[in-house]
Amino acid sequence: GINFEENTDEYELETSLLLPRLRTCSSAGDVTRMLHQTFMECFSPVAALTAAYANIGAEIWELRVTFQESAQH
């Protein structure tokens, strides 16, 4: 819900930074901190506080765990 279907590549840079860093995360909290750090690098000082990334961090972590589990079967 952040690209509004108009600029589908608008966050391509951020995605290219986030995906490799995701491999280093071992929890939803790690993902949340990594998201915040990346957005601070890209958008500082307008990036929100770390807590604002908690829901998306948890969702990304859940997707990663699900993907890893499906890849093992």
PDB file of N, CA and C in Angstrom:
ATOM      1  N   GLY A   1       0.782  -1.200   0.000  1.00  0.00           N
ATOM      2  CA  GLY A   1       0.000   0.000   0.000  1.00  0.00           C
ATOM      3  C   GLY A   1       0.825   1.266   0.000  1.00  0.00           C
ATOM      4  N   ILE A   2       2.109   1.198  -0.350  1.00  0.00           N
ATOM      5  CA  ILE A   2       2.892   2.433  -0.332  1.00  0.00           C
ATOM      6  C   ILE A   2       3.252   2.936  -1.731  1.00  0.00           C
ATOM      7  N   ASN A   3       3.062   2.121  -2.756  1.00  0.00           N
ATOM      8  CA  ASN A   3       3.381   2.627  -4.091  1.00  0.00           C
ATOM      9  C   ASN A   3       2.142   3.039  -4.869  1.00  0.00           C
ATOM     10  N   PHE A   4       0.967   2.715  -4.378  1.00  0.00           N
ATOM     11  CA  PHE A   4      -0.304   3.125  -4.968  1.00  0.00           C
ATOM     12  C   PHE A   4      -0.448   2.720  -6.428  1.00  0.00           C
ATOM     13  N   GLU A   5       0.232   1.616  -6.822  1.00  0.00           N
ATOM     14  CA  GLU A   5       0.108   1.014  -8.152  1.00  0.00           C
ATOM     15  C   GLU A   5       0.577   1.923  -9.293  1.00  0.00           C
ATOM     16  N   GLU A   6       1.158   3.064  -9.002  1.00  0.00           N
ATOM     17  CA  GLU A   6       1.590   3.980 -10.057  1.00  0.00           C
ATOM     18  C   GLU A   6       3.073   3.845 -10.370  1.00  0.00           C
ATOM     19  N   ASN A   7       3.897   3.806  -9.357  1.00  0.00           N
ATOM     20  CA  ASN A   7       5.342   3.695  -9.508  1.00  0.00           C
ATOM     21  C   ASN A   7       5.795   2.351  -8.975  1.00  0.00           C
ATOM     22  N   THR A   8       5.635   1.306  -9.763  1.00  0.00           N
ATOM     23  CA  THR A   8       5.910  -0.030  -9.258  1.00  0.00           C
ATOM     24  C   THR A   8       7.389  -0.249  -8.956  1.00  0.00           C
ATOM     25  N   ASP A   9       8.276   0.576  -9.492  1.00  0.00           N
ATOM     26  CA  ASP A   9       9.709   0.437  -9.200  1.00  0.00           C
ATOM     27  C   ASP A   9      10.218   1.530  -8.263  1.00  0.00           C
ATOM     28  N   GLU A  10       9.316   2.253  -7.633  1.00  0.00           N
ATOM     29  CA  GLU A  10       9.689   3.386  -6.797  1.00  0.00           C
ATOM     30  C   GLU A  10      10.627   2.991  -5.662  1.00  0.00           C
ATOM     31  N   TYR A  11      10.476   1.807  -5.108  1.00  0.00           N
ATOM     32  CA  TYR A  11      11.289   1.373  -3.972  1.00  0.00           C
ATOM     33  C   TYR A  11      12.310   0.309  -4.376  1.00  0.00           C
ATOM     34  N   GLU A  12      12.697   0.296  -5.646  1.00  0.00           N
ATOM     35  CA  GLU A  12      13.656  -0.681  -6.139  1.00  0.00           C
ATOM     36  C   GLU A  12      15.004  -0.555  -5.429  1.00  0.00           C
ATOM     37  N   LEU A  13      15.482   0.660  -5.220  1.00  0.00           N
ATOM     38  CA  LEU A  13      16.753   0.865  -4.516  1.00  0.00           C
ATOM     39  C   LEU A  13      16.683   0.296  -3.108  1.00  0.00           C
ATOM     40  N   GLU A  14      15.634   0.635  -2.387  1.00  0.00           N
ATOM     41  CA  GLU A  14      15.495   0.162  -1.014  1.00  0.00           C
ATOM     42  C   GLU A  14      15.412  -1.357  -0.971  1.00  0.00           C
ATOM     43  N   THR A  15      14.681  -1.948  -1.906  1.00  0.00           N
ATOM     44  CA  THR A  15      14.568  -3.398  -1.969  1.00  0.00           C
ATOM     45  C   THR A  15      15.924  -4.031  -2.218  1.00  0.00           C
ATOM     46  N   SER A  16      16.723  -3.435  -3.099  1.00  0.00           N
ATOM     47  CA  SER A  16      18.050  -3.985  -3.386  1.00  0.00           C
ATOM     48  C   SER A  16      18.968  -3.897  -2.169  1.00  0.00           C
ATOM     49  N   LEU A  17      18.708  -2.964  -1.277  1.00  0.00           N
ATOM     50  CA  LEU A  17      19.483  -2.866  -0.038  1.00  0.00           C
ATOM     51  C   LEU A  17      18.946  -3.815   1.029  1.00  0.00           C
ATOM     52  N   LEU A  18      17.628  -3.979   1.084  1.00  0.00           N
ATOM     53  CA  LEU A  18      17.001  -4.781   2.130  1.00  0.00           C
ATOM     54  C   LEU A  18      17.207  -6.284   1.952  1.00  0.00           C
ATOM     55  N   LEU A  19      17.050  -6.780   0.751  1.00  0.00           N
ATOM     56  CA  LEU A  19      17.080  -8.230   0.549  1.00  0.00           C
ATOM     57  C   LEU A  19      18.388  -8.883   0.999  1.00  0.00           C
ATOM     58  N   PRO A  20      19.550  -8.358   0.637  1.00  0.00           N
ATOM     59  CA  PRO A  20      20.785  -8.990   1.130  1.00  0.00           C
ATOM     60  C   PRO A  20      20.909  -8.917   2.654  1.00  0.00           C
ATOM     61  N   ARG A  21      20.452  -7.837   3.246  1.00  0.00           N
ATOM     62  CA  ARG A  21      20.523  -7.673   4.697  1.00  0.00           C
ATOM     63  C   ARG A  21      19.573  -8.616   5.417  1.00  0.00           C
ATOM     64  N   LEU A  22      18.503  -9.005   4.760  1.00  0.00           N
ATOM     65  CA  LEU A  22      17.532  -9.908   5.366  1.00  0.00           C
ATOM     66  C   LEU A  22      18.181 -11.235   5.748  1.00  0.00           C
ATOM     67  N   ARG A  23      19.163 -11.649   4.981  1.00  0.00           N
ATOM     68  CA  ARG A  23      19.850 -12.917   5.261  1.00  0.00           C
ATOM     69  C   ARG A  23      20.548 -12.917   6.613  1.00  0.00           C
ATOM     70  N   THR A  24      20.874 -11.737   7.121  1.00  0.00           N
ATOM     71  CA  THR A  24      21.588 -11.646   8.393  1.00  0.00           C
ATOM     72  C   THR A  24      20.647 -11.600   9.592  1.00  0.00           C
ATOM     73  N   CYS A  25      19.355 -11.529   9.347  1.00  0.00           N
ATOM     74  CA  CYS A  25      18.376 -11.403  10.432  1.00  0.00           C
ATOM     75  C   CYS A  25      18.010 -12.775  10.986  1.00  0.00           C
ATOM     76  N   SER A  26      17.836 -12.817  12.313  1.00  0.00           N
ATOM     77  CA  SER A  26      17.461 -14.075  12.943  1.00  0.00           C
ATOM     78  C   SER A  26      16.180 -13.959  13.767  1.00  0.00           C
ATOM     79  N   SER A  27      15.471 -12.843  13.602  1.00  0.00           N
ATOM     80  CA  SER A  27      14.205 -12.652  14.317  1.00  0.00           C
ATOM     81  C   SER A  27      13.433 -11.498  13.688  1.00  0.00           C
ATOM     82  N   ALA A  28      12.167 -11.377  14.075  1.00  0.00           N
ATOM     83  CA  ALA A  28      11.356 -10.250  13.606  1.00  0.00           C
ATOM     84  C   ALA A  28      11.946  -8.928  14.099  1.00  0.00           C
ATOM     85  N   GLY A  29      12.503  -8.943  15.297  1.00  0.00           N
ATOM     86  CA  GLY A  29      13.134  -7.735  15.836  1.00  0.00           C
ATOM     87  C   GLY A  29      14.331  -7.308  15.001  1.00  0.00           C
ATOM     88  N   ASP A  30      15.119  -8.289  14.549  1.00  0.00           N
ATOM     89  CA  ASP A  30      16.247  -7.976  13.670  1.00  0.00           C
ATOM     90  C   ASP A  30      15.766  -7.344  12.373  1.00  0.00           C
ATOM     91  N   VAL A  31      14.692  -7.895  11.810  1.00  0.00           N
ATOM     92  CA  VAL A  31      14.140  -7.354  10.564  1.00  0.00           C
ATOM     93  C   VAL A  31      13.659  -5.921  10.796  1.00  0.00           C
ATOM     94  N   THR A  32      12.978  -5.680  11.900  1.00  0.00           N
ATOM     95  CA  THR A  32      12.489  -4.341  12.217  1.00  0.00           C
ATOM     96  C   THR A  32      13.641  -3.352  12.304  1.00  0.00           C
ATOM     97  N   ARG A  33      14.703  -3.733  13.007  1.00  0.00           N
ATOM     98  CA  ARG A  33      15.870  -2.845  13.130  1.00  0.00           C
ATOM     99  C   ARG A  33      16.544  -2.614  11.780  1.00  0.00           C
ATOM    100  N   MET A  34      16.636  -3.670  10.971  1.00  0.00           N
ATOM    101  CA  MET A  34      17.246  -3.554   9.652  1.00  0.00           C
ATOM    102  C   MET A  34      16.422  -2.644   8.745  1.00  0.00           C
ATOM    103  N   LEU A  35      15.097  -2.780   8.804  1.00  0.00           N
ATOM    104  CA  LEU A  35      14.223  -1.900   8.014  1.00  0.00           C
ATOM    105  C   LEU A  35      14.435  -0.442   8.411  1.00  0.00           C
ATOM    106  N   HIS A  36      14.422  -0.192   9.707  1.00  0.00           N
ATOM    107  CA  HIS A  36      14.598   1.176  10.198  1.00  0.00           C
ATOM    108  C   HIS A  36      15.939   1.729   9.768  1.00  0.00           C
ATOM    109  N   GLN A  37      16.995   0.953   9.937  1.00  0.00           N
ATOM    110  CA  GLN A  37      18.331   1.410   9.546  1.00  0.00           C
ATOM    111  C   GLN A  37      18.384   1.744   8.058  1.00  0.00           C
ATOM    112  N   THR A  38      17.825   0.882   7.237  1.00  0.00           N
ATOM    113  CA  THR A  38      17.851   1.104   5.788  1.00  0.00           C
ATOM    114  C   THR A  38      17.059   2.351   5.416  1.00  0.00           C
ATOM    115  N   PHE A  39      15.886   2.516   6.011  1.00  0.00           N
ATOM    116  CA  PHE A  39      15.082   3.693   5.694  1.00  0.00           C
ATOM    117  C   PHE A  39      15.715   4.972   6.241  1.00  0.00           C
ATOM    118  N   MET A  40      16.442   4.871   7.341  1.00  0.00           N
ATOM    119  CA  MET A  40      17.181   6.036   7.834  1.00  0.00           C
ATOM    120  C   MET A  40      18.261   6.425   6.828  1.00  0.00           C
ATOM    121  N   GLU A  41      18.937   5.433   6.267  1.00  0.00           N
ATOM    122  CA  GLU A  41      19.979   5.690   5.277  1.00  0.00           C
ATOM    123  C   GLU A  41      19.398   6.328   4.017  1.00  0.00           C
ATOM    124  N   CYS A  42      18.223   5.871   3.625  1.00  0.00           N
ATOM    125  CA  CYS A  42      17.629   6.327   2.367  1.00  0.00           C
ATOM    126  C   CYS A  42      16.810   7.606   2.511  1.00  0.00           C
ATOM    127  N   PHE A  43      16.154   7.789   3.655  1.00  0.00           N
ATOM    128  CA  PHE A  43      15.193   8.879   3.781  1.00  0.00           C
ATOM    129  C   PHE A  43      15.432   9.800   4.965  1.00  0.00           C
ATOM    130  N   SER A  44      16.465   9.573   5.738  1.00  0.00           N
ATOM    131  CA  SER A  44      16.712  10.388   6.933  1.00  0.00           C
ATOM    132  C   SER A  44      16.643  11.851   6.560  1.00  0.00           C
ATOM    133  N   PRO A  45      16.084  12.687   7.351  1.00  0.00           N
ATOM    134  CA  PRO A  45      15.568  12.478   8.698  1.00  0.00           C
ATOM    135  C   PRO A  45      14.071  12.196   8.747  1.00  0.00           C
ATOM    136  N   VAL A  46      13.464  11.863   7.626  1.00  0.00           N
ATOM    137  CA  VAL A  46      12.006  11.675   7.628  1.00  0.00           C
ATOM    138  C   VAL A  46      11.572  10.259   7.990  1.00  0.00           C
ATOM    139  N   ALA A  47      12.516   9.339   8.146  1.00  0.00           N
ATOM    140  CA  ALA A  47      12.153   7.971   8.517  1.00  0.00           C
ATOM    141  C   ALA A  47      11.544   7.972   9.913  1.00  0.00           C
ATOM    142  N   ALA A  48      10.524   7.161  10.079  1.00  0.00           N
ATOM    143  CA  ALA A  48       9.815   7.088  11.358  1.00  0.00           C
ATOM    144  C   ALA A  48      10.664   6.391  12.412  1.00  0.00           C
ATOM    145  N   LEU A  49      10.194   6.427  13.643  1.00  0.00           N
ATOM    146  CA  LEU A  49      10.854   5.719  14.731  1.00  0.00           C
ATOM    147  C   LEU A  49      10.825   4.218  14.483  1.00  0.00           C
ATOM    148  N   THR A  50      11.740   3.501  15.096  1.00  0.00           N
ATOM    149  CA  THR A  50      11.854   2.057  14.894  1.00  0.00           C
ATOM    150  C   THR A  50      10.528   1.331  15.106  1.00  0.00           C
ATOM    151  N   ALA A  51       9.761   1.717  16.105  1.00  0.00           N
ATOM    152  CA  ALA A  51       8.502   1.040  16.411  1.00  0.00           C
ATOM    153  C   ALA A  51       7.529   1.049  15.237  1.00  0.00           C
ATOM    154  N   ALA A  52       7.626   2.048  14.391  1.00  0.00           N
ATOM    155  CA  ALA A  52       6.732   2.145  13.240  1.00  0.00           C
ATOM    156  C   ALA A  52       6.958   1.009  12.238  1.00  0.00           C
ATOM    157  N   TYR A  53       8.083   0.341  12.335  1.00  0.00           N
ATOM    158  CA  TYR A  53       8.421  -0.725  11.398  1.00  0.00           C
ATOM    159  C   TYR A  53       8.120  -2.112  11.962  1.00  0.00           C
ATOM    160  N   ALA A  54       7.606  -2.184  13.179  1.00  0.00           N
ATOM    161  CA  ALA A  54       7.408  -3.467  13.855  1.00  0.00           C
ATOM    162  C   ALA A  54       6.440  -4.384  13.111  1.00  0.00           C
ATOM    163  N   ASN A  55       5.319  -3.861  12.651  1.00  0.00           N
ATOM    164  CA  ASN A  55       4.340  -4.714  11.960  1.00  0.00           C
ATOM    165  C   ASN A  55       4.895  -5.276  10.659  1.00  0.00           C
ATOM    166  N   ILE A  56       5.513  -4.435   9.863  1.00  0.00           N
ATOM    167  CA  ILE A  56       6.063  -4.924   8.590  1.00  0.00           C
ATOM    168  C   ILE A  56       7.261  -5.827   8.835  1.00  0.00           C
ATOM    169  N   GLY A  57       8.042  -5.534   9.875  1.00  0.00           N
ATOM    170  CA  GLY A  57       9.160  -6.414  10.223  1.00  0.00           C
ATOM    171  C   GLY A  57       8.675  -7.807  10.583  1.00  0.00           C
ATOM    172  N   ALA A  58       7.607  -7.879  11.382  1.00  0.00           N
ATOM    173  CA  ALA A  58       7.031  -9.172  11.765  1.00  0.00           C
ATOM    174  C   ALA A  58       6.461  -9.894  10.549  1.00  0.00           C
ATOM    175  N   GLU A  59       5.819  -9.165   9.668  1.00  0.00           N
ATOM    176  CA  GLU A  59       5.238  -9.780   8.471  1.00  0.00           C
ATOM    177  C   GLU A  59       6.320 -10.325   7.548  1.00  0.00           C
ATOM    178  N   ILE A  60       7.387  -9.551   7.346  1.00  0.00           N
ATOM    179  CA  ILE A  60       8.498 -10.012   6.500  1.00  0.00           C
ATOM    180  C   ILE A  60       9.154 -11.234   7.126  1.00  0.00           C
ATOM    181  N   TRP A  61       9.347 -11.209   8.451  1.00  0.00           N
ATOM    182  CA  TRP A  61       9.958 -12.350   9.127  1.00  0.00           C
ATOM    183  C   TRP A  61       9.091 -13.598   8.948  1.00  0.00           C
ATOM    184  N   GLU A  62       7.793 -13.461   9.107  1.00  0.00           N
ATOM    185  CA  GLU A  62       6.889 -14.596   8.938  1.00  0.00           C
ATOM    186  C   GLU A  62       6.973 -15.155   7.515  1.00  0.00           C
ATOM    187  N   LEU A  63       7.026 -14.288   6.530  1.00  0.00           N
ATOM    188  CA  LEU A  63       7.156 -14.734   5.140  1.00  0.00           C
ATOM    189  C   LEU A  63       8.479 -15.449   4.918  1.00  0.00           C
ATOM    190  N   ARG A  64       9.547 -14.931   5.515  1.00  0.00           N
ATOM    191  CA  ARG A  64      10.862 -15.560   5.367  1.00  0.00           C
ATOM    192  C   ARG A  64      10.862 -16.954   5.987  1.00  0.00           C
ATOM    193  N   VAL A  65      10.320 -17.089   7.183  1.00  0.00           N
ATOM    194  CA  VAL A  65      10.258 -18.391   7.850  1.00  0.00           C
ATOM    195  C   VAL A  65       9.427 -19.367   7.026  1.00  0.00           C
ATOM    196  N   THR A  66       8.286 -18.928   6.534  1.00  0.00           N
ATOM    197  CA  THR A  66       7.424 -19.782   5.706  1.00  0.00           C
ATOM    198  C   THR A  66       8.157 -20.233   4.454  1.00  0.00           C
ATOM    199  N   PHE A  67       8.878 -19.322   3.813  1.00  0.00           N
ATOM    200  CA  PHE A  67       9.640 -19.652   2.608  1.00  0.00           C
ATOM    201  C   PHE A  67      10.723 -20.677   2.931  1.00  0.00           C
ATOM    202  N   GLN A  68      11.448 -20.455   4.018  1.00  0.00           N
ATOM    203  CA  GLN A  68      12.518 -21.391   4.393  1.00  0.00           C
ATOM    204  C   GLN A  68      11.959 -22.780   4.687  1.00  0.00           C
ATOM    205  N   GLU A  69      10.826 -22.837   5.378  1.00  0.00           N
ATOM    206  CA  GLU A  69      10.216 -24.124   5.694  1.00  0.00           C
ATOM    207  C   GLU A  69       9.757 -24.838   4.438  1.00  0.00           C
ATOM    208  N   SER A  70       9.199 -24.106   3.486  1.00  0.00           N
ATOM    209  CA  SER A  70       8.728 -24.731   2.251  1.00  0.00           C
ATOM    210  C   SER A  70       9.900 -25.186   1.394  1.00  0.00           C
ATOM    211  N   ALA A  71      11.015 -24.501   1.474  1.00  0.00           N
ATOM    212  CA  ALA A  71      12.199 -24.881   0.702  1.00  0.00           C
ATOM    213  C   ALA A  71      12.846 -26.148   1.242  1.00  0.00           C
ATOM    214  N   GLN A  72      12.612 -26.445   2.512  1.00  0.00           N
ATOM    215  CA  GLN A  72      13.194 -27.647   3.139  1.00  0.00           C
ATOM    216  C   GLN A  72      12.393 -28.894   2.822  1.00  0.00           C
ATOM    217  N   HIS A  73      11.188 -28.746   2.329  1.00  0.00           N
ATOM    218  CA  HIS A  73      10.327 -29.916   2.063  1.00  0.00           C
ATOM    219  C   HIS A  73      10.303 -30.283   0.624  1.00  0.00           C
TER     220      HIS A  73
END
